[in-house]
N, C-alpha and C. Protein backbone atom coordinates (compact mmCIF):
# COMPACT_ATOMS: atom_id res chain seq x y z
N MET A 1 -21.16 90.97 -2.57
CA MET A 1 -20.39 90.80 -3.07
C MET A 1 -19.81 91.92 -3.44
N SER A 2 -20.31 93.24 -3.54
CA SER A 2 -19.82 94.34 -3.42
C SER A 2 -19.51 94.76 -2.42
N LEU A 3 -19.93 94.22 -0.94
CA LEU A 3 -19.38 94.72 0.00
C LEU A 3 -17.59 94.11 0.44
N CYS A 4 -17.75 92.84 -0.49
CA CYS A 4 -16.27 92.38 -0.34
C CYS A 4 -15.46 93.06 -1.13
N LYS A 5 -15.85 93.81 -2.36
CA LYS A 5 -15.13 94.52 -3.38
C LYS A 5 -14.58 95.94 -2.81
N GLN A 6 -15.51 96.39 -1.74
CA GLN A 6 -15.33 97.67 -1.60
C GLN A 6 -14.02 97.23 0.11
N LEU A 7 -14.24 96.06 0.63
CA LEU A 7 -13.27 95.91 1.66
C LEU A 7 -12.02 95.52 1.00
N GLN A 8 -11.68 94.98 -0.25
CA GLN A 8 -10.29 94.83 -0.98
C GLN A 8 -10.22 95.96 -1.23
N SER A 9 -11.11 96.91 -1.69
CA SER A 9 -10.64 98.21 -2.05
C SER A 9 -9.48 99.07 -0.92
N ILE A 10 -10.43 99.06 0.06
CA ILE A 10 -10.22 99.59 1.50
C ILE A 10 -8.57 99.03 1.75
N LEU A 11 -8.19 97.70 1.94
CA LEU A 11 -7.09 97.24 1.98
C LEU A 11 -5.91 97.71 0.99
N THR A 12 -6.78 97.74 -0.25
CA THR A 12 -5.46 98.31 -1.29
C THR A 12 -5.00 99.61 -1.00
N ARG A 13 -6.41 100.52 -0.95
CA ARG A 13 -5.68 101.73 -0.74
C ARG A 13 -5.04 101.63 0.47
N PHE A 14 -5.02 101.15 2.04
CA PHE A 14 -4.46 101.37 3.17
C PHE A 14 -2.83 101.35 2.89
N TRP A 15 -2.56 100.19 1.81
CA TRP A 15 -1.26 99.55 1.98
C TRP A 15 -0.56 100.69 0.75
N TRP A 16 -1.41 101.21 -0.41
CA TRP A 16 -0.50 102.08 -1.06
C TRP A 16 -0.66 103.31 -1.32
N ASP A 17 -1.68 104.39 -0.40
CA ASP A 17 -1.87 105.33 -0.06
C ASP A 17 -1.41 106.16 0.98
N ALA A 18 -0.70 106.81 1.01
CA ALA A 18 0.12 107.88 2.10
C ALA A 18 -0.98 108.40 3.04
N SER A 19 -2.19 109.23 2.08
CA SER A 19 -3.03 109.80 2.72
C SER A 19 -4.56 109.47 1.81
N PRO A 20 -5.87 109.72 2.51
CA PRO A 20 -6.74 109.72 1.74
C PRO A 20 -6.71 110.35 0.77
N GLU A 21 -6.34 111.87 0.69
CA GLU A 21 -6.63 112.43 -0.44
C GLU A 21 -5.71 112.00 -1.86
N ALA A 22 -4.49 111.80 -1.55
CA ALA A 22 -3.90 111.21 -2.87
C ALA A 22 -3.50 109.64 -3.09
N LYS A 23 -4.01 109.44 -3.84
CA LYS A 23 -4.30 108.16 -4.60
C LYS A 23 -2.94 107.94 -5.80
N ASN A 24 -2.17 107.00 -5.03
CA ASN A 24 -1.02 106.51 -5.90
C ASN A 24 -1.41 105.16 -6.64
N ILE A 25 -0.36 105.28 -7.58
CA ILE A 25 -0.41 104.08 -8.37
C ILE A 25 -0.22 102.47 -7.74
N CYS A 26 -0.83 101.44 -8.09
CA CYS A 26 -0.48 100.54 -7.04
C CYS A 26 0.54 99.72 -7.91
N TRP A 27 1.66 99.23 -7.73
CA TRP A 27 2.83 98.79 -8.42
C TRP A 27 2.52 97.25 -8.41
N VAL A 28 2.19 96.99 -7.64
CA VAL A 28 2.13 95.36 -7.54
C VAL A 28 0.60 95.11 -7.43
N SER A 29 0.05 93.57 -8.25
CA SER A 29 -1.38 93.42 -8.84
C SER A 29 -1.69 92.71 -7.35
N TRP A 30 -3.22 92.93 -7.22
CA TRP A 30 -3.80 92.04 -6.11
C TRP A 30 -3.49 90.53 -5.69
N GLN A 31 -2.76 89.96 -7.30
CA GLN A 31 -3.45 88.60 -7.28
C GLN A 31 -1.98 88.78 -6.68
N THR A 32 -0.93 89.22 -6.82
CA THR A 32 0.34 89.29 -6.05
C THR A 32 0.27 88.82 -4.82
N LEU A 33 -0.57 89.98 -4.59
CA LEU A 33 -0.60 90.20 -2.82
C LEU A 33 -1.09 89.26 -2.25
N THR A 34 -2.18 88.41 -2.79
CA THR A 34 -2.90 87.09 -2.23
C THR A 34 -2.08 86.03 -1.93
N LYS A 35 -0.97 86.28 -2.97
CA LYS A 35 -0.14 84.80 -2.86
C LYS A 35 0.50 84.64 -1.38
N PRO A 36 0.76 83.08 -1.16
CA PRO A 36 1.36 83.02 0.02
C PRO A 36 2.88 83.43 0.42
N LYS A 37 2.99 83.81 1.12
CA LYS A 37 4.37 84.68 1.25
C LYS A 37 5.37 83.79 0.77
N ASN A 38 5.50 82.32 1.18
CA ASN A 38 6.75 81.58 0.39
C ASN A 38 6.57 81.86 -1.10
N SER A 39 5.11 82.22 -1.66
CA SER A 39 5.79 82.29 -3.06
C SER A 39 5.62 83.71 -3.37
N GLY A 40 6.07 84.75 -2.59
CA GLY A 40 6.20 85.90 -3.44
C GLY A 40 5.30 87.11 -2.70
N GLY A 41 4.24 86.49 -2.22
CA GLY A 41 2.99 87.61 -2.03
C GLY A 41 3.43 87.80 -0.51
N LEU A 42 2.33 88.74 -0.05
CA LEU A 42 2.28 89.28 1.48
C LEU A 42 0.96 87.96 1.94
N GLY A 43 0.32 87.34 1.43
CA GLY A 43 -0.55 86.32 2.47
C GLY A 43 -1.58 86.85 2.22
N PHE A 44 -2.36 87.99 1.56
CA PHE A 44 -3.44 88.62 1.93
C PHE A 44 -4.60 87.45 1.39
N ARG A 45 -5.59 87.34 1.88
CA ARG A 45 -6.71 86.67 1.67
C ARG A 45 -7.51 87.27 0.39
N GLU A 46 -8.36 86.58 -0.20
CA GLU A 46 -9.55 87.12 -1.11
C GLU A 46 -10.29 86.87 -0.27
N ILE A 47 -11.20 87.99 -0.43
CA ILE A 47 -12.37 88.69 0.77
C ILE A 47 -13.37 87.58 0.47
N ALA A 48 -13.96 87.77 -0.66
CA ALA A 48 -15.16 86.70 -1.34
C ALA A 48 -14.87 85.22 -0.83
N GLN A 49 -13.78 84.71 -1.08
CA GLN A 49 -13.46 83.58 -0.88
C GLN A 49 -13.16 82.72 0.71
N PHE A 50 -12.59 84.07 1.51
CA PHE A 50 -12.68 83.72 2.77
C PHE A 50 -14.10 83.91 3.64
N ASN A 51 -14.69 84.75 3.08
CA ASN A 51 -16.01 85.07 3.44
C ASN A 51 -17.34 83.87 3.39
N ASP A 52 -16.97 82.92 2.22
CA ASP A 52 -17.29 81.92 1.93
C ASP A 52 -16.91 80.29 2.78
N ALA A 53 -15.50 80.58 2.79
CA ALA A 53 -14.91 79.47 3.86
C ALA A 53 -15.73 79.69 5.42
N LEU A 54 -15.64 80.71 5.53
CA LEU A 54 -16.43 81.33 6.89
C LEU A 54 -17.90 80.71 7.38
N LEU A 55 -18.32 81.04 6.28
CA LEU A 55 -20.13 80.72 6.02
C LEU A 55 -20.12 79.20 6.05
N ALA A 56 -19.14 78.65 5.36
CA ALA A 56 -19.31 76.87 5.07
C ALA A 56 -18.97 76.52 6.17
N LYS A 57 -18.27 76.97 7.47
CA LYS A 57 -17.81 76.24 8.54
C LYS A 57 -18.83 76.41 9.36
N LEU A 58 -19.20 77.99 8.97
CA LEU A 58 -20.74 77.66 10.12
C LEU A 58 -21.45 77.26 10.33
N SER A 59 -21.94 76.74 8.84
CA SER A 59 -22.80 75.77 8.17
C SER A 59 -22.55 74.61 8.86
N TRP A 60 -21.17 73.79 8.84
CA TRP A 60 -20.76 72.72 9.31
C TRP A 60 -20.79 72.60 10.83
N ARG A 61 -20.72 73.52 11.54
CA ARG A 61 -20.74 73.78 12.82
C ARG A 61 -22.23 73.37 13.22
N VAL A 62 -23.45 74.21 12.45
CA VAL A 62 -24.93 73.75 12.54
C VAL A 62 -25.09 72.34 12.38
N LEU A 63 -24.23 72.08 11.60
CA LEU A 63 -25.01 70.24 11.08
C LEU A 63 -24.40 69.61 12.25
N LYS A 64 -23.01 69.67 12.43
CA LYS A 64 -22.41 68.77 13.53
C LYS A 64 -22.58 69.03 14.75
N ASP A 65 -22.66 70.08 15.23
CA ASP A 65 -23.27 69.90 16.94
C ASP A 65 -24.51 70.82 16.88
N PRO A 66 -25.65 70.83 16.73
CA PRO A 66 -26.89 71.36 17.04
C PRO A 66 -27.14 71.63 18.30
N SER A 67 -26.40 71.47 19.37
CA SER A 67 -26.60 71.68 20.92
C SER A 67 -25.99 73.05 20.91
N SER A 68 -25.18 73.45 20.37
CA SER A 68 -24.73 74.56 19.95
C SER A 68 -25.68 75.85 20.41
N LEU A 69 -25.08 77.13 20.97
CA LEU A 69 -25.86 78.35 21.21
C LEU A 69 -26.52 78.72 19.73
N LEU A 70 -25.49 78.70 18.79
CA LEU A 70 -25.86 79.26 17.38
C LEU A 70 -26.74 78.19 16.67
N ALA A 71 -26.23 76.89 16.85
CA ALA A 71 -27.18 76.09 15.90
C ALA A 71 -28.61 76.28 16.87
N ARG A 72 -28.86 76.13 17.93
CA ARG A 72 -30.01 76.34 18.88
C ARG A 72 -30.83 77.56 18.28
N THR A 73 -30.29 78.80 18.48
CA THR A 73 -30.95 79.79 17.80
C THR A 73 -31.05 79.96 16.64
N LEU A 74 -30.78 79.52 15.71
CA LEU A 74 -30.90 79.48 14.38
C LEU A 74 -31.52 78.12 13.53
N LEU A 75 -31.69 77.13 14.30
CA LEU A 75 -32.38 76.03 14.27
C LEU A 75 -33.86 76.18 14.61
N GLY A 76 -34.15 76.85 15.89
CA GLY A 76 -35.38 77.14 16.47
C GLY A 76 -35.90 78.36 15.90
N LYS A 77 -35.42 78.81 15.21
CA LYS A 77 -36.03 79.99 14.84
C LYS A 77 -36.37 79.67 13.03
N TYR A 78 -35.83 79.01 12.42
CA TYR A 78 -35.91 78.95 11.08
C TYR A 78 -36.01 77.24 10.24
N CYS A 79 -35.73 76.44 11.23
CA CYS A 79 -36.03 74.91 10.94
C CYS A 79 -36.98 74.46 12.15
N VAL A 80 -37.66 75.02 12.47
CA VAL A 80 -38.81 74.15 13.15
C VAL A 80 -39.47 73.05 12.72
N HIS A 81 -39.80 72.83 11.65
CA HIS A 81 -40.51 71.87 10.99
C HIS A 81 -39.72 71.05 10.10
N THR A 82 -38.57 71.36 9.54
CA THR A 82 -37.77 70.52 8.99
C THR A 82 -36.53 70.38 9.20
N SER A 83 -35.56 69.59 8.39
CA SER A 83 -33.95 69.49 9.24
C SER A 83 -33.48 70.60 8.63
N PHE A 84 -32.00 70.76 9.33
CA PHE A 84 -31.20 72.17 8.41
C PHE A 84 -30.95 71.71 7.03
N LEU A 85 -30.70 70.69 6.49
CA LEU A 85 -30.38 70.21 5.18
C LEU A 85 -31.44 70.36 4.28
N GLU A 86 -32.88 70.14 4.83
CA GLU A 86 -33.76 70.20 3.98
C GLU A 86 -34.75 71.78 3.63
N VAL A 87 -34.24 72.52 4.93
CA VAL A 87 -34.82 73.49 4.77
C VAL A 87 -34.70 74.60 3.85
N GLN A 88 -35.99 75.22 3.40
CA GLN A 88 -35.75 76.34 2.43
C GLN A 88 -35.66 77.85 3.09
N PRO A 89 -34.76 78.81 2.24
CA PRO A 89 -35.11 80.00 2.84
C PRO A 89 -36.44 80.60 2.99
N PRO A 90 -37.31 81.37 4.08
CA PRO A 90 -38.18 81.85 4.09
C PRO A 90 -38.18 83.46 3.72
N SER A 91 -39.12 83.76 3.37
CA SER A 91 -38.96 85.56 2.67
C SER A 91 -38.61 86.38 3.42
N CYS A 92 -38.76 86.09 4.58
CA CYS A 92 -38.40 87.11 5.79
C CYS A 92 -36.74 86.62 6.76
N ALA A 93 -36.04 85.53 5.89
CA ALA A 93 -34.79 85.07 6.37
C ALA A 93 -33.93 86.33 6.64
N SER A 94 -33.10 86.22 7.31
CA SER A 94 -31.86 87.54 7.27
C SER A 94 -30.61 86.97 6.43
N HIS A 95 -29.78 87.82 6.31
CA HIS A 95 -29.08 87.96 5.26
C HIS A 95 -28.01 86.76 5.50
N GLY A 96 -27.45 86.94 6.74
CA GLY A 96 -26.66 85.83 7.51
C GLY A 96 -27.18 84.56 7.23
N TRP A 97 -28.42 83.96 7.41
CA TRP A 97 -29.12 83.13 7.03
C TRP A 97 -28.99 82.47 5.69
N ARG A 98 -29.39 83.40 4.70
CA ARG A 98 -29.37 82.87 3.44
C ARG A 98 -28.05 83.04 3.30
N GLY A 99 -26.56 83.22 3.62
CA GLY A 99 -25.50 82.95 3.54
C GLY A 99 -25.24 81.45 3.75
N LEU A 100 -25.76 81.17 5.22
CA LEU A 100 -25.26 79.86 5.58
C LEU A 100 -26.24 78.61 4.34
N LEU A 101 -27.28 79.02 4.11
CA LEU A 101 -27.86 77.96 3.22
C LEU A 101 -27.22 77.98 1.93
N VAL A 102 -26.97 79.20 1.60
CA VAL A 102 -26.01 78.90 0.23
C VAL A 102 -24.78 78.14 0.59
N GLU A 103 -24.18 78.16 1.56
CA GLU A 103 -23.03 77.68 1.78
C GLU A 103 -23.41 75.70 2.15
N ARG A 104 -24.33 75.82 2.84
CA ARG A 104 -25.17 74.47 3.17
C ARG A 104 -25.06 73.68 1.99
N ASP A 105 -25.22 74.50 0.95
CA ASP A 105 -25.92 73.74 -0.46
C ASP A 105 -24.53 73.04 -0.97
N LEU A 106 -23.27 73.93 -0.68
CA LEU A 106 -21.87 73.89 -0.92
C LEU A 106 -21.69 72.31 -0.54
N LEU A 107 -22.14 72.48 0.87
CA LEU A 107 -21.36 71.15 1.72
C LEU A 107 -22.09 69.65 1.26
N THR A 108 -23.19 70.03 0.97
CA THR A 108 -24.24 68.89 0.90
C THR A 108 -23.62 68.31 -0.60
N ARG A 109 -23.21 69.23 -1.34
CA ARG A 109 -22.72 68.55 -2.48
C ARG A 109 -21.46 67.71 -2.32
N GLY A 110 -20.84 67.62 -1.12
CA GLY A 110 -19.40 67.13 -0.90
C GLY A 110 -19.57 66.19 0.14
N LEU A 111 -20.71 66.32 0.67
CA LEU A 111 -21.10 65.37 1.87
C LEU A 111 -21.17 63.77 1.82
N GLY A 112 -20.83 63.06 2.22
CA GLY A 112 -20.79 61.24 2.08
C GLY A 112 -20.98 60.44 3.70
N TRP A 113 -21.09 59.40 3.35
CA TRP A 113 -21.31 58.89 4.77
C TRP A 113 -20.47 57.83 4.91
N ALA A 114 -19.77 57.70 6.28
CA ALA A 114 -18.70 56.71 6.29
C ALA A 114 -18.96 55.92 7.35
N LEU A 115 -18.78 54.51 6.59
CA LEU A 115 -19.26 53.31 7.55
C LEU A 115 -19.01 52.82 8.61
N GLY A 116 -17.52 53.62 8.88
CA GLY A 116 -16.83 53.28 10.28
C GLY A 116 -16.69 51.70 10.60
N SER A 117 -17.05 51.46 11.59
CA SER A 117 -17.11 50.03 12.07
C SER A 117 -18.34 49.22 11.46
N GLY A 118 -19.23 49.80 11.18
CA GLY A 118 -20.54 49.18 10.24
C GLY A 118 -21.55 48.65 11.26
N GLU A 119 -21.38 49.19 12.58
CA GLU A 119 -22.25 48.23 13.41
C GLU A 119 -23.71 48.76 13.60
N ASP A 120 -23.84 49.87 12.78
CA ASP A 120 -25.01 50.59 12.59
C ASP A 120 -25.39 50.60 11.56
N VAL A 121 -25.09 49.94 10.38
CA VAL A 121 -25.56 49.65 9.27
C VAL A 121 -26.51 48.81 8.93
N GLY A 122 -27.47 48.90 8.33
CA GLY A 122 -28.76 47.56 8.29
C GLY A 122 -28.61 47.67 6.69
N VAL A 123 -28.22 46.14 6.41
CA VAL A 123 -28.06 45.59 5.08
C VAL A 123 -29.69 44.95 4.42
């Protein structure tokens, strides 16, 4: 989270300061800058929310396409005996893997099962 705040600060300083030595006042709030362009903002993204969305997308990709290179690498290292939906983070897990697992938990709250044609459903 602190890295996201630092990135947001760097973005703000880039847009408002003419030089690194002279710090100017930001005449428009960050909330206004992050509004879509059609709502009067500049369309900047909230860094923390954007990061969460990207991690959730990667988690979804690992879940839906386990044959991809990323999924095979991560699942081969961290999910040897357990499925991706049930694995717990080991103490030696990387920061990236921990982020994927946090967003995986967010995905599992919204996951459902679609019946489709019903051919594979046992009643």
